[in-house]
Amino acid sequence: MRHFAFILVILALAFGAAHAITIGSCADGTQYGKCSTVNPGSYCTGDITAPGLQVYVAMCKCEAVSGWIQQGDGNDAVCAQAKCADGTLNGQCSAVTKPKVCVGGSTYSDNATKCNCPAGKRVAAGGIFCEFIPCTDGDVSVPEGTCSAKKQKKCVNGQLVDKASECDCPTGMTRQGETCGVVCSDGTKDGACSTTKPNVCTNGYLLDDAIKCGCPDDKPNIVGKQCTDSVLAAVPGADLLGSSPSGNSTGSAASGSNAISCCCLPTALIGIIGGFAFFRKNE
């Protein structure tokens, strides 16, 4: 008799264990008579041996599942997936602001690995954030927010910009606002005319260029690229013998006379000196 009672106890325990396993088998793992934590507004009910999920928003709040909210009241209430401010569904990547992902329908979180990065940026170490792709200054890589080793340029938002006020200027160049340029000793920019005519600033040196920069009032005549106050030097075709390009006969005669004087004077002197020497020898 005692053995029979013991067998009944064992059978009862086994039946209870099997029954407990049966009532805990809703499709998403929700126990019988409980609200689902996976499917918003759903309740595990029905046949105790084969329960199923049914929408029962009045009992199971939509907000119990992250990213879902209740819309409507009473029997008309339904669960809807929450959206962030730009319309992005919960758990989805924003199409407006990369690499943001909508969390809980109310906030954003960075996830560069999942959502990628906007143009000009790349996934940073760790895969969460985005960083600007380094700029390139010729053969020099310039990280975001830093100055190029060649100076003047700074990498800002993935683009090289003139920033001489922060990055200084290369050797031989002087800051001109945010850019750099060659400046001569008097402050004239490279390629510009100096206030002192006829100087032009060329690669840091002041050189004469009367044709480009003009002449001062006291030296109004241009000879080559220089300025002069000589009227004769400004007359085309003038030579050391005084010939005139005008073709005037009087002027030509005068010029011829001058030319003869200049030409014969040395010969006459040589003759006088030679005669004097000959006379002294005969004595």
Protein backbone atom coordinates (compact mmCIF):
# COMPACT_ATOMS: atom_id res chain seq x y z
CA MET A 1 0.00 0.00 0.00
CA ARG A 2 2.78 2.33 0.89
CA HIS A 3 4.47 1.61 -2.45
CA PHE A 4 1.27 2.49 -4.29
CA ALA A 5 1.04 5.87 -2.52
CA PHE A 6 4.65 6.62 -3.38
CA ILE A 7 3.99 5.89 -7.05
CA LEU A 8 0.99 8.26 -7.05
CA VAL A 9 3.14 11.10 -5.66
CA ILE A 10 5.77 10.56 -8.35
CA LEU A 11 3.12 10.58 -11.07
CA ALA A 12 1.56 13.78 -9.70
CA LEU A 13 4.92 15.57 -9.70
CA ALA A 14 5.66 14.43 -13.21
CA PHE A 15 2.23 15.56 -14.43
CA GLY A 16 2.70 18.95 -12.78
CA ALA A 17 6.11 19.47 -14.41
CA ALA A 18 4.78 18.56 -17.83
CA HIS A 19 1.80 20.87 -17.33
CA ALA A 20 4.08 23.77 -16.33
CA ILE A 21 6.18 23.33 -19.45
CA THR A 22 3.07 23.26 -21.66
CA ILE A 23 1.62 26.57 -20.41
CA GLY A 24 4.83 28.49 -20.98
CA SER A 25 5.08 28.06 -24.74
CA CYS A 26 3.78 31.20 -26.52
CA ALA A 27 5.52 31.77 -29.85
CA ASP A 28 7.76 34.64 -28.65
CA GLY A 29 8.49 32.94 -25.32
CA THR A 30 5.89 34.86 -23.34
CA GLN A 31 4.39 32.82 -20.48
CA TYR A 32 0.71 32.05 -20.45
CA GLY A 33 -1.32 34.90 -18.94
CA LYS A 34 1.52 37.44 -19.38
CA CYS A 35 2.06 40.50 -21.61
CA SER A 36 4.66 40.14 -24.33
CA THR A 37 7.88 42.11 -24.03
CA VAL A 38 8.59 41.55 -27.72
CA ASN A 39 5.28 42.20 -29.47
CA PRO A 40 3.73 45.47 -28.23
CA GLY A 41 0.18 45.29 -26.82
CA SER A 42 0.07 41.50 -27.08
CA TYR A 43 -1.17 39.09 -24.42
CA CYS A 44 -0.39 35.37 -24.19
CA THR A 45 -3.73 33.54 -23.83
CA GLY A 46 -6.01 30.91 -25.41
CA ASP A 47 -5.76 27.16 -25.05
CA ILE A 48 -3.66 26.45 -21.97
CA THR A 49 -1.89 23.65 -23.78
CA ALA A 50 -1.21 25.70 -26.90
CA PRO A 51 -1.47 29.43 -26.01
CA GLY A 52 -1.15 32.20 -28.58
CA LEU A 53 -0.62 35.96 -28.71
CA GLN A 54 -3.57 38.29 -28.97
CA VAL A 55 -3.63 42.11 -29.16
CA TYR A 56 -4.93 43.38 -25.87
CA VAL A 57 -3.77 47.00 -25.57
CA ALA A 58 -6.10 47.70 -22.63
CA MET A 59 -4.10 45.21 -20.54
CA CYS A 60 -0.67 45.29 -22.19
CA LYS A 61 0.70 48.79 -22.62
CA CYS A 62 2.47 49.54 -25.90
CA GLU A 63 5.28 51.37 -24.09
CA ALA A 64 6.28 48.08 -22.43
CA VAL A 65 8.16 47.39 -25.65
CA SER A 66 10.90 49.93 -26.31
CA GLY A 67 10.21 52.22 -29.26
CA TRP A 68 6.44 51.73 -29.34
CA ILE A 69 3.67 54.09 -28.29
CA GLN A 70 -0.12 53.87 -27.94
CA GLN A 71 -2.36 55.68 -30.37
CA GLY A 72 -6.09 56.04 -29.62
CA ASP A 73 -8.07 54.99 -26.56
CA GLY A 74 -10.19 52.07 -25.42
CA ASN A 75 -11.09 49.46 -27.98
CA ASP A 76 -9.68 51.68 -30.77
CA ALA A 77 -6.22 51.84 -29.20
CA VAL A 78 -3.35 50.43 -31.27
CA CYS A 79 0.40 50.30 -30.92
CA ALA A 80 2.54 52.29 -33.32
CA GLN A 81 6.28 52.40 -33.73
CA ALA A 82 7.70 55.60 -32.31
CA LYS A 83 9.49 58.11 -34.55
CA CYS A 84 12.23 60.58 -33.83
CA ALA A 85 11.91 64.27 -34.67
CA ASP A 86 12.98 63.87 -38.32
CA GLY A 87 10.52 61.04 -38.91
CA THR A 88 13.01 58.21 -38.49
CA LEU A 89 11.46 55.07 -37.06
CA ASN A 90 12.79 53.70 -33.82
CA GLY A 91 15.91 51.64 -34.38
CA GLN A 92 16.39 52.98 -37.91
CA CYS A 93 19.19 55.18 -39.27
CA SER A 94 18.36 58.81 -39.91
CA ALA A 95 18.36 59.76 -43.58
CA VAL A 96 18.94 63.37 -42.56
CA THR A 97 21.76 63.23 -40.06
CA LYS A 98 24.33 60.48 -40.44
CA PRO A 99 25.43 58.48 -38.48
CA LYS A 100 22.47 59.00 -36.13
CA VAL A 101 20.13 56.14 -35.25
CA CYS A 102 16.69 56.72 -33.68
CA VAL A 103 16.54 55.32 -30.14
CA GLY A 104 13.21 54.85 -28.39
CA GLY A 105 11.50 57.21 -30.80
CA SER A 106 12.76 60.21 -28.90
CA THR A 107 16.54 60.46 -28.96
CA TYR A 108 19.43 59.84 -31.31
CA SER A 109 22.63 57.91 -30.90
CA ASP A 110 25.75 57.71 -33.10
CA ASN A 111 26.39 54.43 -34.86
CA ALA A 112 28.72 54.95 -37.81
CA THR A 113 29.13 51.23 -38.41
CA LYS A 114 25.39 50.75 -38.88
CA CYS A 115 24.45 54.05 -40.49
CA ASN A 116 27.62 54.98 -42.43
CA CYS A 117 29.06 58.49 -42.63
CA PRO A 118 28.22 61.60 -44.68
CA ALA A 119 30.34 62.68 -47.65
CA GLY A 120 33.81 63.85 -46.66
CA LYS A 121 33.88 61.75 -43.50
CA ARG A 122 34.86 58.22 -42.59
CA VAL A 123 34.17 55.79 -39.74
CA ALA A 124 36.48 56.62 -36.85
CA ALA A 125 38.27 54.08 -34.68
CA GLY A 126 35.73 52.21 -32.57
CA GLY A 127 33.06 52.37 -35.27
CA ILE A 128 30.73 54.69 -33.36
CA PHE A 129 31.60 58.16 -34.60
CA CYS A 130 32.57 59.73 -37.93
CA GLU A 131 35.68 61.78 -38.54
CA PHE A 132 36.68 64.05 -41.41
CA ILE A 133 38.90 62.55 -44.08
CA PRO A 134 42.32 64.28 -43.83
CA CYS A 135 43.00 67.08 -46.32
CA THR A 136 45.85 66.83 -48.83
CA ASP A 137 48.21 69.73 -49.44
CA GLY A 138 50.23 68.45 -52.37
CA ASP A 139 52.11 65.48 -50.94
CA VAL A 140 51.32 66.41 -47.33
CA SER A 141 48.42 64.86 -45.38
CA VAL A 142 46.72 67.40 -43.10
CA PRO A 143 44.48 66.04 -40.30
CA GLU A 144 41.23 67.86 -39.55
CA GLY A 145 41.68 71.04 -37.54
CA THR A 146 45.45 71.27 -38.08
CA CYS A 147 47.75 73.43 -40.19
CA SER A 148 49.66 72.10 -43.15
CA ALA A 149 53.40 71.62 -42.72
CA LYS A 150 53.70 73.88 -45.77
CA LYS A 151 52.00 76.63 -43.72
CA GLN A 152 49.21 79.12 -44.58
CA LYS A 153 46.63 76.33 -45.13
CA LYS A 154 44.42 74.70 -42.49
CA CYS A 155 42.15 71.66 -42.83
CA VAL A 156 38.62 72.79 -41.92
CA ASN A 157 35.65 70.44 -42.40
CA GLY A 158 37.69 68.36 -44.80
CA GLN A 159 38.74 71.35 -46.94
CA LEU A 160 42.00 73.30 -47.10
CA VAL A 161 41.43 77.00 -46.39
CA ASP A 162 43.79 79.98 -46.11
CA LYS A 163 44.47 80.61 -42.43
CA ALA A 164 47.76 82.51 -42.24
CA SER A 165 46.68 84.09 -38.94
CA GLU A 166 46.94 80.64 -37.33
CA CYS A 167 49.31 78.76 -39.60
CA ASP A 168 51.94 81.46 -40.34
CA CYS A 169 53.61 81.83 -43.74
CA PRO A 170 56.40 79.98 -45.56
CA THR A 171 59.91 81.39 -45.47
CA GLY A 172 60.30 84.45 -47.69
CA MET A 173 56.58 85.28 -47.63
CA THR A 174 54.60 87.74 -45.52
CA ARG A 175 51.06 87.50 -44.21
CA GLN A 176 48.49 89.45 -46.20
CA GLY A 177 45.21 88.97 -44.35
CA GLU A 178 44.69 85.20 -44.25
CA THR A 179 46.93 84.60 -47.29
CA CYS A 180 50.68 84.83 -47.79
CA GLY A 181 52.64 86.68 -50.44
CA VAL A 182 56.03 88.12 -51.29
CA VAL A 183 56.49 91.70 -50.07
CA CYS A 184 59.38 94.04 -50.88
CA SER A 185 61.28 96.12 -48.35
CA ASP A 186 58.94 99.11 -48.74
CA GLY A 187 55.82 96.97 -48.21
CA THR A 188 54.89 96.65 -51.88
CA LYS A 189 53.23 93.34 -52.76
CA ASP A 190 54.83 91.08 -55.32
CA GLY A 191 54.00 92.17 -58.87
CA ALA A 192 52.76 95.61 -57.81
CA CYS A 193 54.27 99.02 -58.54
CA SER A 194 55.92 100.83 -55.67
CA THR A 195 54.97 104.35 -54.68
CA THR A 196 58.56 105.13 -55.58
CA LYS A 197 58.50 105.18 -59.36
CA PRO A 198 59.59 103.38 -61.48
CA ASN A 199 60.08 100.49 -59.03
CA VAL A 200 58.09 97.27 -59.25
CA CYS A 201 58.23 94.48 -56.65
CA THR A 202 59.57 91.31 -58.31
CA ASN A 203 60.13 88.22 -56.14
CA GLY A 204 60.94 90.42 -53.17
CA TYR A 205 63.23 92.83 -55.04
CA LEU A 206 62.51 96.39 -56.17
CA LEU A 207 63.44 96.68 -59.85
CA ASP A 208 63.04 99.48 -62.39
CA ASP A 209 60.13 99.12 -64.79
CA ALA A 210 59.25 102.57 -66.10
CA ILE A 211 57.07 101.11 -68.84
CA LYS A 212 54.79 99.45 -66.27
CA CYS A 213 55.01 101.85 -63.36
CA GLY A 214 55.72 105.22 -64.97
CA CYS A 215 58.28 107.88 -64.02
CA PRO A 216 58.46 110.57 -61.33
CA ASP A 217 57.92 114.23 -62.28
CA ASP A 218 61.61 115.13 -62.01
CA LYS A 219 62.61 112.32 -64.39
CA PRO A 220 59.83 112.14 -66.92
CA ASN A 221 61.73 110.51 -69.79
CA ILE A 222 61.92 106.72 -70.26
CA VAL A 223 65.10 105.05 -71.46
CA GLY A 224 64.63 101.30 -71.61
CA LYS A 225 62.96 100.58 -68.26
CA GLN A 226 64.61 103.47 -66.44
CA CYS A 227 63.73 107.13 -66.02
CA THR A 228 65.91 110.15 -66.84
CA ASP A 229 65.73 113.93 -66.83
CA SER A 230 67.94 114.19 -69.99
CA VAL A 231 66.10 115.50 -73.01
CA LEU A 232 68.84 114.25 -75.38
CA ALA A 233 68.54 110.69 -74.09
CA ALA A 234 64.85 110.79 -74.87
CA VAL A 235 65.36 111.79 -78.54
CA PRO A 236 65.36 108.70 -80.77
CA GLY A 237 68.46 108.37 -83.00
CA ALA A 238 70.60 110.91 -81.13
CA ASP A 239 74.33 110.03 -81.13
CA LEU A 240 77.54 111.28 -79.61
CA LEU A 241 78.41 113.35 -82.70
CA GLY A 242 75.29 115.42 -82.25
CA SER A 243 73.57 114.33 -85.48
CA SER A 244 69.89 115.12 -85.66
CA PRO A 245 67.20 112.79 -87.03
CA SER A 246 65.14 115.77 -88.22
CA GLY A 247 66.91 116.07 -91.58
CA ASN A 248 67.12 119.91 -91.23
CA SER A 249 69.91 121.21 -93.51
CA THR A 250 71.03 123.94 -91.12
CA GLY A 251 71.17 121.49 -88.30
CA SER A 252 73.06 119.03 -90.49
CA ALA A 253 75.66 121.66 -91.39
CA ALA A 254 76.12 122.58 -87.78
CA SER A 255 76.36 118.98 -86.82
CA GLY A 256 78.89 118.38 -89.57
CA SER A 257 80.99 121.26 -88.32
CA ASN A 258 80.87 119.90 -84.81
CA ALA A 259 81.79 116.45 -86.08
CA ILE A 260 84.78 117.81 -87.98
CA SER A 261 85.95 119.78 -84.99
CA CYS A 262 85.77 116.78 -82.78
CA CYS A 263 87.42 114.60 -85.37
CA CYS A 264 90.34 116.90 -86.40
CA LEU A 265 91.28 118.39 -83.03
CA PRO A 266 93.19 115.32 -81.84
CA THR A 267 95.07 115.14 -85.18
CA ALA A 268 96.13 118.79 -84.93
CA LEU A 269 97.39 118.29 -81.40
CA ILE A 270 99.43 115.28 -82.46
CA GLY A 271 101.01 117.34 -85.27
CA ILE A 272 101.96 120.17 -82.95
CA ILE A 273 103.48 117.86 -80.40
CA GLY A 274 105.41 115.97 -83.11
CA GLY A 275 106.79 119.20 -84.60
CA PHE A 276 107.89 120.45 -81.21
CA ALA A 277 109.73 117.21 -80.56
CA PHE A 278 111.47 117.37 -83.96
CA PHE A 279 112.61 120.94 -83.34
CA ARG A 280 114.10 120.07 -79.96
CA LYS A 281 116.02 117.19 -81.52
CA ASN A 282 117.67 119.36 -84.17
CA GLU A 283 118.89 121.77 -81.52
